[in-house]
C-alpha atoms as a PDB file:
ATOM      1  CA  MET A   1     -49.754 -13.819-110.275  1.00  0.00           C
ATOM      2  CA  ALA A   2     -52.999 -13.696-112.220  1.00  0.00           C
ATOM      3  CA  GLU A   3     -55.133 -16.807-112.196  1.00  0.00           C
ATOM      4  CA  ARG A   4     -55.646 -18.710-115.401  1.00  0.00           C
ATOM      5  CA  PRO A   5     -59.026 -18.303-117.137  1.00  0.00           C
ATOM      6  CA  TRP A   6     -59.956 -21.973-116.815  1.00  0.00           C
ATOM      7  CA  ARG A   7     -59.359 -21.837-113.063  1.00  0.00           C
ATOM      8  CA  LEU A   8     -61.582 -18.777-112.785  1.00  0.00           C
ATOM      9  CA  LEU A   9     -64.285 -20.620-114.747  1.00  0.00           C
ATOM     10  CA  LEU A  10     -64.104 -23.655-112.465  1.00  0.00           C
ATOM     11  CA  ARG A  11     -64.101 -21.541-109.335  1.00  0.00           C
ATOM     12  CA  ASP A  12     -66.788 -18.991-110.192  1.00  0.00           C
ATOM     13  CA  PHE A  13     -69.142 -20.924-112.454  1.00  0.00           C
ATOM     14  CA  PHE A  14     -68.898 -24.544-111.357  1.00  0.00           C
ATOM     15  CA  GLY A  15     -67.809 -23.836-107.771  1.00  0.00           C
ATOM     16  CA  ILE A  16     -64.994 -26.365-107.963  1.00  0.00           C
ATOM     17  CA  GLY A  17     -62.172 -25.406-105.617  1.00  0.00           C
ATOM     18  CA  GLN A  18     -64.346 -23.412-103.240  1.00  0.00           C
ATOM     19  CA  VAL A  19     -64.380 -25.090 -99.837  1.00  0.00           C
ATOM     20  CA  PRO A  20     -66.268 -23.795 -96.784  1.00  0.00           C
ATOM     21  CA  PRO A  21     -64.105 -22.795 -93.807  1.00  0.00           C
ATOM     22  CA  PRO A  22     -63.355 -25.574 -91.302  1.00  0.00           C
ATOM     23  CA  ALA A  23     -66.213 -26.266 -88.901  1.00  0.00           C
ATOM     24  CA  GLY A  24     -67.097 -28.689 -86.144  1.00  0.00           C
ATOM     25  CA  ALA A  25     -69.641 -30.423 -88.390  1.00  0.00           C
ATOM     26  CA  TYR A  26     -70.539 -30.202 -92.064  1.00  0.00           C
ATOM     27  CA  THR A  27     -74.009 -30.647 -93.532  1.00  0.00           C
ATOM     28  CA  VAL A  28     -74.237 -31.040 -97.303  1.00  0.00           C
ATOM     29  CA  ASP A  29     -76.260 -28.221 -98.830  1.00  0.00           C
ATOM     30  CA  ARG A  30     -77.865 -28.320-102.272  1.00  0.00           C
ATOM     31  CA  ARG A  31     -75.598 -25.462-103.391  1.00  0.00           C
ATOM     32  CA  ARG A  32     -72.463 -27.444-102.496  1.00  0.00           C
ATOM     33  CA  VAL A  33     -73.116 -30.562-104.613  1.00  0.00           C
ATOM     34  CA  PHE A  34     -71.344 -30.932-107.966  1.00  0.00           C
ATOM     35  CA  ILE A  35     -72.076 -33.575-110.600  1.00  0.00           C
ATOM     36  CA  LEU A  36     -70.006 -34.852-113.522  1.00  0.00           C
ATOM     37  CA  PRO A  37     -70.261 -38.030-115.645  1.00  0.00           C
ATOM     38  CA  THR A  38     -68.106 -41.031-114.889  1.00  0.00           C
ATOM     39  CA  GLY A  39     -66.385 -43.077-117.630  1.00  0.00           C
ATOM     40  CA  GLN A  40     -69.520 -45.166-117.937  1.00  0.00           C
ATOM     41  CA  GLY A  41     -71.556 -41.991-118.039  1.00  0.00           C
ATOM     42  CA  TYR A  42     -69.612 -40.613-121.015  1.00  0.00           C
ATOM     43  CA  ALA A  43     -70.080 -43.914-122.869  1.00  0.00           C
ATOM     44  CA  PHE A  44     -73.780 -43.864-121.998  1.00  0.00           C
ATOM     45  CA  GLY A  45     -74.127 -40.298-123.317  1.00  0.00           C
ATOM     46  CA  ALA A  46     -72.251 -41.128-126.524  1.00  0.00           C
ATOM     47  CA  THR A  47     -74.585 -44.067-127.081  1.00  0.00           C
ATOM     48  CA  ALA A  48     -77.646 -41.879-126.613  1.00  0.00           C
ATOM     49  CA  VAL A  49     -76.288 -39.304-129.082  1.00  0.00           C
ATOM     50  CA  ALA A  50     -75.489 -42.037-131.629  1.00  0.00           C
ATOM     51  CA  VAL A  51     -78.992 -43.448-131.333  1.00  0.00           C
ATOM     52  CA  LEU A  52     -80.462 -39.976-131.784  1.00  0.00           C
ATOM     53  CA  ILE A  53     -78.356 -39.294-134.891  1.00  0.00           C
ATOM     54  CA  GLY A  54     -79.414 -42.636-136.347  1.00  0.00           C
ATOM     55  CA  ALA A  55     -83.068 -41.888-135.638  1.00  0.00           C
ATOM     56  CA  ILE A  56     -82.795 -38.483-137.345  1.00  0.00           C
ATOM     57  CA  ASN A  57     -80.946 -39.950-140.327  1.00  0.00           C
ATOM     58  CA  TYR A  58     -83.443 -42.762-140.926  1.00  0.00           C
ATOM     59  CA  ALA A  59     -86.562 -41.009-139.558  1.00  0.00           C
ATOM     60  CA  ASN A  60     -87.075 -43.931-137.190  1.00  0.00           C
ATOM     61  CA  SER A  61     -89.693 -43.303-134.489  1.00  0.00           C
ATOM     62  CA  LEU A  62     -88.443 -46.197-132.356  1.00  0.00           C
ATOM     63  CA  GLY A  63     -84.941 -44.676-132.448  1.00  0.00           C
ATOM     64  CA  TYR A  64     -86.334 -41.375-131.140  1.00  0.00           C
ATOM     65  CA  LEU A  65     -88.076 -43.276-128.341  1.00  0.00           C
ATOM     66  CA  VAL A  66     -84.887 -45.074-127.311  1.00  0.00           C
ATOM     67  CA  ALA A  67     -82.777 -41.883-127.492  1.00  0.00           C
ATOM     68  CA  PHE A  68     -85.193 -39.870-125.345  1.00  0.00           C
ATOM     69  CA  LEU A  69     -85.569 -42.793-122.957  1.00  0.00           C
ATOM     70  CA  LEU A  70     -81.788 -42.884-122.458  1.00  0.00           C
ATOM     71  CA  ALA A  71     -81.678 -39.108-121.987  1.00  0.00           C
ATOM     72  CA  GLY A  72     -84.454 -39.269-119.394  1.00  0.00           C
ATOM     73  CA  LEU A  73     -82.647 -42.076-117.590  1.00  0.00           C
ATOM     74  CA  GLY A  74     -79.537 -39.887-117.346  1.00  0.00           C
ATOM     75  CA  LEU A  75     -81.531 -36.959-115.933  1.00  0.00           C
ATOM     76  CA  VAL A  76     -83.214 -39.177-113.342  1.00  0.00           C
ATOM     77  CA  SER A  77     -79.797 -40.557-112.333  1.00  0.00           C
ATOM     78  CA  ALA A  78     -78.517 -37.015-111.785  1.00  0.00           C
ATOM     79  CA  LEU A  79     -81.538 -36.200-109.612  1.00  0.00           C
ATOM     80  CA  HIS A  80     -81.083 -39.287-107.423  1.00  0.00           C
ATOM     81  CA  ALA A  81     -77.319 -38.733-107.096  1.00  0.00           C
ATOM     82  CA  HIS A  82     -77.959 -35.151-105.978  1.00  0.00           C
ATOM     83  CA  ARG A  83     -80.606 -36.170-103.440  1.00  0.00           C
ATOM     84  CA  ASN A  84     -78.404 -38.941-102.081  1.00  0.00           C
ATOM     85  CA  LEU A  85     -76.044 -36.333-100.581  1.00  0.00           C
ATOM     86  CA  ILE A  86     -78.434 -33.562 -99.520  1.00  0.00           C
ATOM     87  CA  GLY A  87     -78.832 -33.383 -95.741  1.00  0.00           C
ATOM     88  CA  LEU A  88     -75.880 -35.655 -95.000  1.00  0.00           C
ATOM     89  CA  THR A  89     -74.027 -34.518 -91.842  1.00  0.00           C
ATOM     90  CA  ILE A  90     -70.383 -35.363 -91.069  1.00  0.00           C
ATOM     91  CA  ARG A  91     -68.999 -34.880 -87.550  1.00  0.00           C
ATOM     92  CA  PRO A  92     -65.438 -35.525 -86.369  1.00  0.00           C
ATOM     93  CA  ALA A  93     -64.822 -37.729 -83.315  1.00  0.00           C
ATOM     94  CA  ARG A  94     -61.988 -37.574 -80.804  1.00  0.00           C
ATOM     95  CA  VAL A  95     -58.559 -38.479 -82.185  1.00  0.00           C
ATOM     96  CA  ASP A  96     -55.970 -40.188 -80.000  1.00  0.00           C
ATOM     97  CA  PRO A  97     -52.467 -38.681 -80.060  1.00  0.00           C
ATOM     98  CA  VAL A  98     -49.705 -40.572 -81.857  1.00  0.00           C
ATOM     99  CA  PHE A  99     -45.927 -40.435 -82.066  1.00  0.00           C
ATOM    100  CA  ALA A 100     -44.177 -38.997 -85.103  1.00  0.00           C
ATOM    101  CA  GLY A 101     -43.573 -41.633 -87.727  1.00  0.00           C
ATOM    102  CA  GLY A 102     -46.801 -43.429 -86.857  1.00  0.00           C
ATOM    103  CA  GLU A 103     -50.275 -43.150 -88.310  1.00  0.00           C
ATOM    104  CA  ALA A 104     -53.036 -40.921 -86.980  1.00  0.00           C
ATOM    105  CA  VAL A 105     -56.525 -42.404 -87.256  1.00  0.00           C
ATOM    106  CA  PHE A 106     -59.259 -39.799 -87.673  1.00  0.00           C
ATOM    107  CA  ARG A 107     -62.827 -40.947 -87.073  1.00  0.00           C
ATOM    108  CA  LEU A 108     -65.779 -39.318 -88.832  1.00  0.00           C
ATOM    109  CA  CYS A 109     -69.400 -40.074 -88.021  1.00  0.00           C
ATOM    110  CA  LEU A 110     -71.983 -39.669 -90.779  1.00  0.00           C
ATOM    111  CA  GLU A 111     -75.713 -39.424 -90.239  1.00  0.00           C
ATOM    112  CA  ALA A 112     -78.679 -38.712 -92.473  1.00  0.00           C
ATOM    113  CA  PRO A 113     -82.476 -38.555 -92.073  1.00  0.00           C
ATOM    114  CA  GLY A 114     -82.924 -41.542 -94.400  1.00  0.00           C
ATOM    115  CA  PRO A 115     -80.996 -44.355 -96.081  1.00  0.00           C
ATOM    116  CA  ARG A 116     -78.095 -43.215 -98.258  1.00  0.00           C
ATOM    117  CA  PRO A 117     -76.512 -46.074-100.236  1.00  0.00           C
ATOM    118  CA  ALA A 118     -73.155 -45.954-102.044  1.00  0.00           C
ATOM    119  CA  VAL A 119     -71.694 -43.007-100.084  1.00  0.00           C
ATOM    120  CA  THR A 120     -67.905 -42.658 -99.898  1.00  0.00           C
ATOM    121  CA  VAL A 121     -65.596 -40.298 -98.021  1.00  0.00           C
ATOM    122  CA  ALA A 122     -62.272 -39.359 -99.609  1.00  0.00           C
ATOM    123  CA  TRP A 123     -59.217 -37.632 -98.152  1.00  0.00           C
ATOM    124  CA  ARG A 124     -55.776 -36.729 -99.388  1.00  0.00           C
ATOM    125  CA  ARG A 125     -53.062 -39.082 -98.144  1.00  0.00           C
ATOM    126  CA  ALA A 126     -49.340 -38.419 -98.578  1.00  0.00           C
ATOM    127  CA  ASP A 127     -47.364 -41.587 -97.877  1.00  0.00           C
ATOM    128  CA  ALA A 128     -43.667 -41.525 -97.049  1.00  0.00           C
ATOM    129  CA  GLY A 129     -41.602 -41.428-100.225  1.00  0.00           C
ATOM    130  CA  ALA A 130     -44.542 -40.497-102.444  1.00  0.00           C
ATOM    131  CA  ARG A 131     -44.029 -37.540-104.750  1.00  0.00           C
ATOM    132  CA  ARG A 132     -47.631 -36.394-104.540  1.00  0.00           C
ATOM    133  CA  ALA A 133     -50.587 -36.913-102.260  1.00  0.00           C
ATOM    134  CA  HIS A 134     -53.332 -39.134-103.611  1.00  0.00           C
ATOM    135  CA  TRP A 135     -57.027 -39.420-102.853  1.00  0.00           C
ATOM    136  CA  GLN A 136     -58.078 -42.425-100.814  1.00  0.00           C
ATOM    137  CA  GLU A 137     -61.709 -43.453-100.375  1.00  0.00           C
ATOM    138  CA  VAL A 138     -63.661 -45.386 -97.763  1.00  0.00           C
ATOM    139  CA  GLU A 139     -67.271 -46.488 -98.107  1.00  0.00           C
ATOM    140  CA  ALA A 140     -69.891 -45.343 -95.592  1.00  0.00           C
ATOM    141  CA  PRO A 141     -73.346 -46.640 -96.559  1.00  0.00           C
ATOM    142  CA  LEU A 142     -76.022 -45.238 -94.240  1.00  0.00           C
ATOM    143  CA  THR A 143     -79.242 -46.994 -93.314  1.00  0.00           C
ATOM    144  CA  GLY A 144     -80.776 -43.890 -91.750  1.00  0.00           C
ATOM    145  CA  VAL A 145     -81.270 -45.658 -88.399  1.00  0.00           C
ATOM    146  CA  GLU A 146     -77.984 -44.820 -86.657  1.00  0.00           C
ATOM    147  CA  PRO A 147     -74.793 -42.938 -87.543  1.00  0.00           C
ATOM    148  CA  VAL A 148     -71.998 -44.703 -89.382  1.00  0.00           C
ATOM    149  CA  CYS A 149     -68.403 -44.014 -88.324  1.00  0.00           C
ATOM    150  CA  VAL A 150     -65.432 -44.451 -90.635  1.00  0.00           C
ATOM    151  CA  GLU A 151     -61.694 -44.333 -89.922  1.00  0.00           C
ATOM    152  CA  LEU A 152     -59.306 -42.249 -92.003  1.00  0.00           C
ATOM    153  CA  PRO A 153     -55.619 -43.192 -91.453  1.00  0.00           C
ATOM    154  CA  VAL A 154     -53.186 -40.337 -92.104  1.00  0.00           C
ATOM    155  CA  PRO A 155     -49.375 -40.652 -91.836  1.00  0.00           C
ATOM    156  CA  ALA A 156     -47.964 -38.494 -89.029  1.00  0.00           C
ATOM    157  CA  GLY A 157     -44.551 -37.487 -90.246  1.00  0.00           C
ATOM    158  CA  ARG A 158     -43.773 -34.521 -87.975  1.00  0.00           C
ATOM    159  CA  ARG A 159     -44.618 -33.517 -84.440  1.00  0.00           C
ATOM    160  CA  GLY A 160     -47.219 -30.828 -83.792  1.00  0.00           C
ATOM    161  CA  ARG A 161     -50.849 -30.641 -84.814  1.00  0.00           C
ATOM    162  CA  LEU A 162     -51.904 -32.695 -87.813  1.00  0.00           C
ATOM    163  CA  GLY A 163     -55.031 -31.709 -89.735  1.00  0.00           C
ATOM    164  CA  LEU A 164     -57.143 -33.683 -92.160  1.00  0.00           C
ATOM    165  CA  GLY A 165     -57.115 -31.024 -94.858  1.00  0.00           C
ATOM    166  CA  ARG A 166     -59.605 -31.102 -97.705  1.00  0.00           C
ATOM    167  CA  LEU A 167     -62.199 -33.864 -97.734  1.00  0.00           C
ATOM    168  CA  ARG A 168     -65.020 -34.801-100.035  1.00  0.00           C
ATOM    169  CA  VAL A 169     -68.107 -36.946 -99.740  1.00  0.00           C
ATOM    170  CA  SER A 170     -69.324 -38.479-102.985  1.00  0.00           C
ATOM    171  CA  THR A 171     -71.733 -41.000-104.489  1.00  0.00           C
ATOM    172  CA  ARG A 172     -72.282 -42.794-107.790  1.00  0.00           C
ATOM    173  CA  TYR A 173     -75.801 -43.835-106.898  1.00  0.00           C
ATOM    174  CA  PRO A 174     -77.947 -45.190-108.536  1.00  0.00           C
ATOM    175  CA  LEU A 175     -76.431 -46.461-111.811  1.00  0.00           C
ATOM    176  CA  GLY A 176     -72.799 -45.323-111.666  1.00  0.00           C
ATOM    177  CA  LEU A 177     -73.284 -43.005-114.657  1.00  0.00           C
ATOM    178  CA  LEU A 178     -72.694 -39.798-112.676  1.00  0.00           C
ATOM    179  CA  ARG A 179     -70.546 -38.878-109.701  1.00  0.00           C
ATOM    180  CA  ALA A 180     -71.901 -36.303-107.275  1.00  0.00           C
ATOM    181  CA  TRP A 181     -69.545 -34.890-104.659  1.00  0.00           C
ATOM    182  CA  SER A 182     -69.246 -32.124-102.104  1.00  0.00           C
ATOM    183  CA  PRO A 183     -65.863 -30.783-100.866  1.00  0.00           C
ATOM    184  CA  PHE A 184     -65.447 -29.651 -97.265  1.00  0.00           C
ATOM    185  CA  GLU A 185     -63.020 -29.242 -94.370  1.00  0.00           C
ATOM    186  CA  LEU A 186     -63.468 -30.094 -90.697  1.00  0.00           C
ATOM    187  CA  ASP A 187     -61.921 -28.588 -87.593  1.00  0.00           C
ATOM    188  CA  ALA A 188     -60.295 -31.889 -86.618  1.00  0.00           C
ATOM    189  CA  THR A 189     -56.651 -32.171 -85.589  1.00  0.00           C
ATOM    190  CA  CYS A 190     -54.432 -34.840 -84.070  1.00  0.00           C
ATOM    191  CA  LEU A 191     -51.611 -34.130 -81.638  1.00  0.00           C
ATOM    192  CA  VAL A 192     -48.361 -35.732 -82.837  1.00  0.00           C
ATOM    193  CA  TYR A 193     -45.746 -36.367 -80.141  1.00  0.00           C
ATOM    194  CA  PRO A 194     -42.015 -36.392 -80.931  1.00  0.00           C
ATOM    195  CA  ARG A 195     -40.701 -39.843 -81.809  1.00  0.00           C
ATOM    196  CA  PRO A 196     -39.011 -41.346 -78.722  1.00  0.00           C
ATOM    197  CA  ALA A 197     -35.329 -41.748 -79.554  1.00  0.00           C
ATOM    198  CA  GLY A 198     -31.925 -41.391 -77.983  1.00  0.00           C
ATOM    199  CA  GLY A 199     -29.668 -43.594 -75.903  1.00  0.00           C
ATOM    200  CA  LEU A 200     -29.007 -41.383 -72.886  1.00  0.00           C
ATOM    201  CA  PRO A 201     -30.002 -42.837 -69.494  1.00  0.00           C
ATOM    202  CA  LEU A 202     -32.379 -41.018 -67.182  1.00  0.00           C
ATOM    203  CA  PRO A 203     -30.750 -38.174 -65.234  1.00  0.00           C
ATOM    204  CA  GLU A 204     -29.725 -38.877 -61.672  1.00  0.00           C
ATOM    205  CA  PRO A 205     -32.654 -38.381 -59.264  1.00  0.00           C
ATOM    206  CA  ALA A 206     -32.570 -35.642 -56.683  1.00  0.00           C
ATOM    207  CA  ALA A 207     -32.293 -36.770 -53.076  1.00  0.00           C
ATOM    208  CA  PRO A 208     -35.752 -36.853 -51.462  1.00  0.00           C
ATOM    209  CA  ASP A 209     -36.485 -34.630 -48.483  1.00  0.00           C
ATOM    210  CA  PRO A 210     -36.567 -36.908 -45.406  1.00  0.00           C
ATOM    211  CA  ALA A 211     -38.784 -34.522 -43.452  1.00  0.00           C
ATOM    212  CA  PRO A 212     -42.360 -34.335 -44.741  1.00  0.00           C
ATOM    213  CA  ALA A 213     -43.788 -30.889 -45.308  1.00  0.00           C
ATOM    214  CA  PRO A 214     -46.328 -29.594 -42.779  1.00  0.00           C
ATOM    215  CA  GLY A 215     -49.810 -30.745 -43.710  1.00  0.00           C
ATOM    216  CA  ALA A 216     -48.546 -33.480 -46.055  1.00  0.00           C
ATOM    217  CA  ARG A 217     -50.921 -36.384 -46.476  1.00  0.00           C
ATOM    218  CA  GLY A 218     -50.145 -39.910 -45.436  1.00  0.00           C
ATOM    219  CA  PRO A 219     -50.106 -42.895 -47.752  1.00  0.00           C
ATOM    220  CA  ALA A 220     -53.801 -43.587 -47.170  1.00  0.00           C
ATOM    221  CA  GLU A 221     -54.730 -40.066 -48.265  1.00  0.00           C
ATOM    222  CA  GLN A 222     -52.627 -39.855 -51.431  1.00  0.00           C
ATOM    223  CA  ASP A 223     -54.238 -39.550 -54.865  1.00  0.00           C
ATOM    224  CA  PHE A 224     -54.157 -42.600 -57.125  1.00  0.00           C
ATOM    225  CA  ALA A 225     -51.947 -41.770 -60.149  1.00  0.00           C
ATOM    226  CA  GLY A 226     -51.907 -44.973 -62.190  1.00  0.00           C
ATOM    227  CA  LEU A 227     -50.282 -48.382 -62.489  1.00  0.00           C
ATOM    228  CA  ARG A 228     -46.851 -49.684 -63.413  1.00  0.00           C
ATOM    229  CA  ASN A 229     -45.305 -53.124 -63.746  1.00  0.00           C
ATOM    230  CA  TYR A 230     -44.012 -54.881 -60.660  1.00  0.00           C
ATOM    231  CA  VAL A 231     -40.318 -54.425 -59.825  1.00  0.00           C
ATOM    232  CA  ARG A 232     -38.474 -56.640 -57.354  1.00  0.00           C
ATOM    233  CA  GLY A 233     -38.546 -54.983 -53.978  1.00  0.00           C
ATOM    234  CA  ASP A 234     -42.030 -53.446 -54.293  1.00  0.00           C
ATOM    235  CA  SER A 235     -44.328 -53.901 -51.332  1.00  0.00           C
ATOM    236  CA  SER A 236     -47.077 -56.498 -51.752  1.00  0.00           C
ATOM    237  CA  ARG A 237     -49.525 -53.939 -50.343  1.00  0.00           C
ATOM    238  CA  ARG A 238     -49.095 -51.849 -53.477  1.00  0.00           C
ATOM    239  CA  VAL A 239     -49.950 -54.687 -55.876  1.00  0.00           C
ATOM    240  CA  HIS A 240     -53.318 -54.291 -57.611  1.00  0.00           C
ATOM    241  CA  TRP A 241     -54.504 -57.854 -57.013  1.00  0.00           C
ATOM    242  CA  LYS A 242     -57.858 -57.430 -58.805  1.00  0.00           C
ATOM    243  CA  ALA A 243     -56.124 -56.414 -62.026  1.00  0.00           C
ATOM    244  CA  ALA A 244     -53.625 -59.261 -61.599  1.00  0.00           C
ATOM    245  CA  ALA A 245     -56.512 -61.746 -61.286  1.00  0.00           C
ATOM    246  CA  ARG A 246     -57.764 -60.670 -64.724  1.00  0.00           C
ATOM    247  CA  GLY A 247     -54.630 -62.039 -66.355  1.00  0.00           C
ATOM    248  CA  ARG A 248     -52.412 -58.921 -66.373  1.00  0.00           C
ATOM    249  CA  ASP A 249     -48.822 -58.869 -65.149  1.00  0.00           C
ATOM    250  CA  LEU A 250     -48.447 -57.843 -61.546  1.00  0.00           C
ATOM    251  CA  PRO A 251     -49.442 -54.138 -61.585  1.00  0.00           C
ATOM    252  CA  VAL A 252     -48.318 -51.835 -58.782  1.00  0.00           C
ATOM    253  CA  LYS A 253     -50.375 -48.835 -57.664  1.00  0.00           C
ATOM    254  CA  LEU A 254     -48.833 -45.364 -57.917  1.00  0.00           C
ATOM    255  CA  PHE A 255     -49.861 -42.391 -55.800  1.00  0.00           C
ATOM    256  CA  ALA A 256     -49.302 -38.776 -56.815  1.00  0.00           C
ATOM    257  CA  GLY A 257     -48.600 -37.519 -53.320  1.00  0.00           C
ATOM    258  CA  GLU A 258     -46.034 -40.054 -52.195  1.00  0.00           C
ATOM    259  CA  ALA A 259     -42.459 -39.056 -51.463  1.00  0.00           C
ATOM    260  CA  GLY A 260     -39.690 -40.667 -53.455  1.00  0.00           C
ATOM    261  CA  GLU A 261     -37.062 -40.115 -56.079  1.00  0.00           C
ATOM    262  CA  GLU A 262     -37.608 -37.298 -58.554  1.00  0.00           C
ATOM    263  CA  VAL A 263     -35.730 -36.525 -61.733  1.00  0.00           C
ATOM    264  CA  ALA A 264     -35.627 -33.286 -63.690  1.00  0.00           C
ATOM    265  CA  LEU A 265     -35.798 -33.724 -67.448  1.00  0.00           C
ATOM    266  CA  ARG A 266     -34.035 -30.624 -68.780  1.00  0.00           C
ATOM    267  CA  PHE A 267     -33.877 -29.582 -72.408  1.00  0.00           C
ATOM    268  CA  GLU A 268     -30.250 -28.525 -72.039  1.00  0.00           C
ATOM    269  CA  GLU A 269     -29.207 -31.985 -70.789  1.00  0.00           C
ATOM    270  CA  ALA A 270     -30.916 -33.963 -73.567  1.00  0.00           C
ATOM    271  CA  GLY A 271     -27.826 -34.440 -75.690  1.00  0.00           C
ATOM    272  CA  ALA A 272     -25.825 -32.262 -78.043  1.00  0.00           C
ATOM    273  CA  GLY A 273     -28.058 -32.600 -81.104  1.00  0.00           C
ATOM    274  CA  GLY A 274     -30.541 -30.128 -82.526  1.00  0.00           C
ATOM    275  CA  THR A 275     -33.941 -29.208 -81.177  1.00  0.00           C
ATOM    276  CA  GLU A 276     -35.772 -32.191 -82.663  1.00  0.00           C
ATOM    277  CA  ALA A 277     -33.160 -34.653 -81.397  1.00  0.00           C
ATOM    278  CA  ARG A 278     -33.420 -33.227 -77.884  1.00  0.00           C
ATOM    279  CA  LEU A 279     -37.217 -33.396 -77.936  1.00  0.00           C
ATOM    280  CA  SER A 280     -37.016 -37.029 -79.024  1.00  0.00           C
ATOM    281  CA  GLN A 281     -34.654 -37.762 -76.153  1.00  0.00           C
ATOM    282  CA  LEU A 282     -36.999 -36.025 -73.693  1.00  0.00           C
ATOM    283  CA  ALA A 283     -39.917 -38.099 -75.004  1.00  0.00           C
ATOM    284  CA  ARG A 284     -37.842 -41.234 -74.429  1.00  0.00           C
ATOM    285  CA  TRP A 285     -37.059 -40.096 -70.880  1.00  0.00           C
ATOM    286  CA  VAL A 286     -40.746 -39.488 -70.153  1.00  0.00           C
ATOM    287  CA  LEU A 287     -41.610 -43.045 -71.205  1.00  0.00           C
ATOM    288  CA  ASP A 288     -38.661 -44.493 -69.273  1.00  0.00           C
ATOM    289  CA  ALA A 289     -39.612 -42.608 -66.101  1.00  0.00           C
ATOM    290  CA  GLU A 290     -43.214 -43.809 -66.384  1.00  0.00           C
ATOM    291  CA  ARG A 291     -42.088 -47.386 -66.876  1.00  0.00           C
ATOM    292  CA  GLU A 292     -39.778 -47.242 -63.850  1.00  0.00           C
ATOM    293  CA  GLY A 293     -42.309 -45.402 -61.666  1.00  0.00           C
ATOM    294  CA  THR A 294     -40.004 -42.431 -61.048  1.00  0.00           C
ATOM    295  CA  ARG A 295     -41.544 -39.004 -60.550  1.00  0.00           C
ATOM    296  CA  TYR A 296     -40.239 -36.474 -63.067  1.00  0.00           C
ATOM    297  CA  ALA A 297     -40.415 -32.793 -63.915  1.00  0.00           C
ATOM    298  CA  LEU A 298     -40.029 -31.365 -67.416  1.00  0.00           C
ATOM    299  CA  MET A 299     -37.916 -28.245 -67.964  1.00  0.00           C
ATOM    300  CA  LEU A 300     -38.187 -26.548 -71.372  1.00  0.00           C
ATOM    301  CA  PRO A 301     -36.997 -23.067 -72.388  1.00  0.00           C
ATOM    302  CA  GLY A 302     -39.784 -20.747 -71.271  1.00  0.00           C
ATOM    303  CA  GLN A 303     -41.925 -23.545 -69.819  1.00  0.00           C
ATOM    304  CA  SER A 304     -41.695 -26.024 -66.978  1.00  0.00           C
ATOM    305  CA  LEU A 305     -44.007 -28.693 -65.607  1.00  0.00           C
ATOM    306  CA  PRO A 306     -43.783 -29.748 -61.929  1.00  0.00           C
ATOM    307  CA  ALA A 307     -42.896 -33.259 -60.906  1.00  0.00           C
ATOM    308  CA  GLY A 308     -45.597 -35.880 -61.256  1.00  0.00           C
ATOM    309  CA  LEU A 309     -46.354 -39.392 -62.395  1.00  0.00           C
ATOM    310  CA  GLY A 310     -49.155 -41.175 -64.194  1.00  0.00           C
ATOM    311  CA  ASP A 311     -50.888 -41.156 -67.561  1.00  0.00           C
ATOM    312  CA  GLY A 312     -52.233 -37.622 -67.151  1.00  0.00           C
ATOM    313  CA  HIS A 313     -48.816 -36.189 -66.328  1.00  0.00           C
ATOM    314  CA  ALA A 314     -47.209 -38.076 -69.214  1.00  0.00           C
ATOM    315  CA  GLU A 315     -49.800 -36.725 -71.648  1.00  0.00           C
ATOM    316  CA  ARG A 316     -49.198 -33.156 -70.465  1.00  0.00           C
ATOM    317  CA  CYS A 317     -45.439 -33.525 -70.859  1.00  0.00           C
ATOM    318  CA  LEU A 318     -45.666 -35.132 -74.302  1.00  0.00           C
ATOM    319  CA  ALA A 319     -48.130 -32.455 -75.421  1.00  0.00           C
ATOM    320  CA  ALA A 320     -45.681 -29.749 -74.305  1.00  0.00           C
ATOM    321  CA  LEU A 321     -42.953 -31.454 -76.329  1.00  0.00           C
ATOM    322  CA  ALA A 322     -45.220 -31.745 -79.375  1.00  0.00           C
ATOM    323  CA  LEU A 323     -46.168 -28.050 -79.330  1.00  0.00           C
ATOM    324  CA  PHE A 324     -42.739 -26.707 -78.348  1.00  0.00           C
ATOM    325  CA  ARG A 325     -41.542 -23.754 -80.431  1.00  0.00           C
ATOM    326  CA  ALA A 326     -37.842 -23.050 -80.358  1.00  0.00           C
ATOM    327  CA  GLY A 327     -36.896 -19.464 -79.629  1.00  0.00           C
ATOM    328  CA  PRO A 328     -34.204 -17.432 -81.388  1.00  0.00           C
ATOM    329  CA  GLY A 329     -31.525 -18.535 -78.927  1.00  0.00           C
ATOM    330  CA  THR A 330     -32.498 -22.212 -78.858  1.00  0.00           C
ATOM    331  CA  ARG A 331     -30.311 -24.654 -80.730  1.00  0.00           C
END
């Protein structure tokens, strides 16, 4: 379908709608800054034109002076608004994963060679139930001494990778008569885990092998895998007393190499629902196994993760669930 003429004009002449490809960092260039009057700016311009018409009509020299003074003030405002964005660099920071239905918090760090007052960052936010996405702004005034980091909350409705999409940095400095902005995109994504759901209990653990494998390490040589809450029957030697002294509940040390019960979390056994329901049940099982301190393996169609325990293993399993792609034969 052919584009409308006004869209071609905005794209080719004004540059509106053209966004650079996503990058690790974005530096505002003089060719990527656009300026338009604000509501106050239109009123200011209409006043200047009215004063000029009055000066021409009555041949009033003072009216000419005021009209040209207002026009010069508008031009100077445009120059300062343009310079307030030039050289500004925006870098994305690390984003922590979230569960579907939550809110991903993207962090952007802005830095500039000098002070940049009245700078705002805007992003498109689509809230649950909203018919259209709306622009939301956050202020990021820079002093030029150290970077300023801002947080951009974005609803995470579905599992997978969530991107920020189109962004824009803008300013109304110095008088609020003009708005200068620069659109851009960043290569920043957040991993969204499936929402933990489902009422099925953990699968029955497999019976541990009573005979240790040749070359297996003893308890003193096992790798530390994390902490879990104390359960009646745990040995007092496993309690992390230093962490307990800092006011935490009794934490128990976990070791990756220790023998014990293991459960296999299989996709086929995660209920009779669809793919998303099964992934939610598997996410619930992962959290339950971590809470109970039970080693677990994850079995997905075309992918399997060996048994393990700890935060690192849980993150790997949840990431596999978040990025799972159902094949043709998967229900």
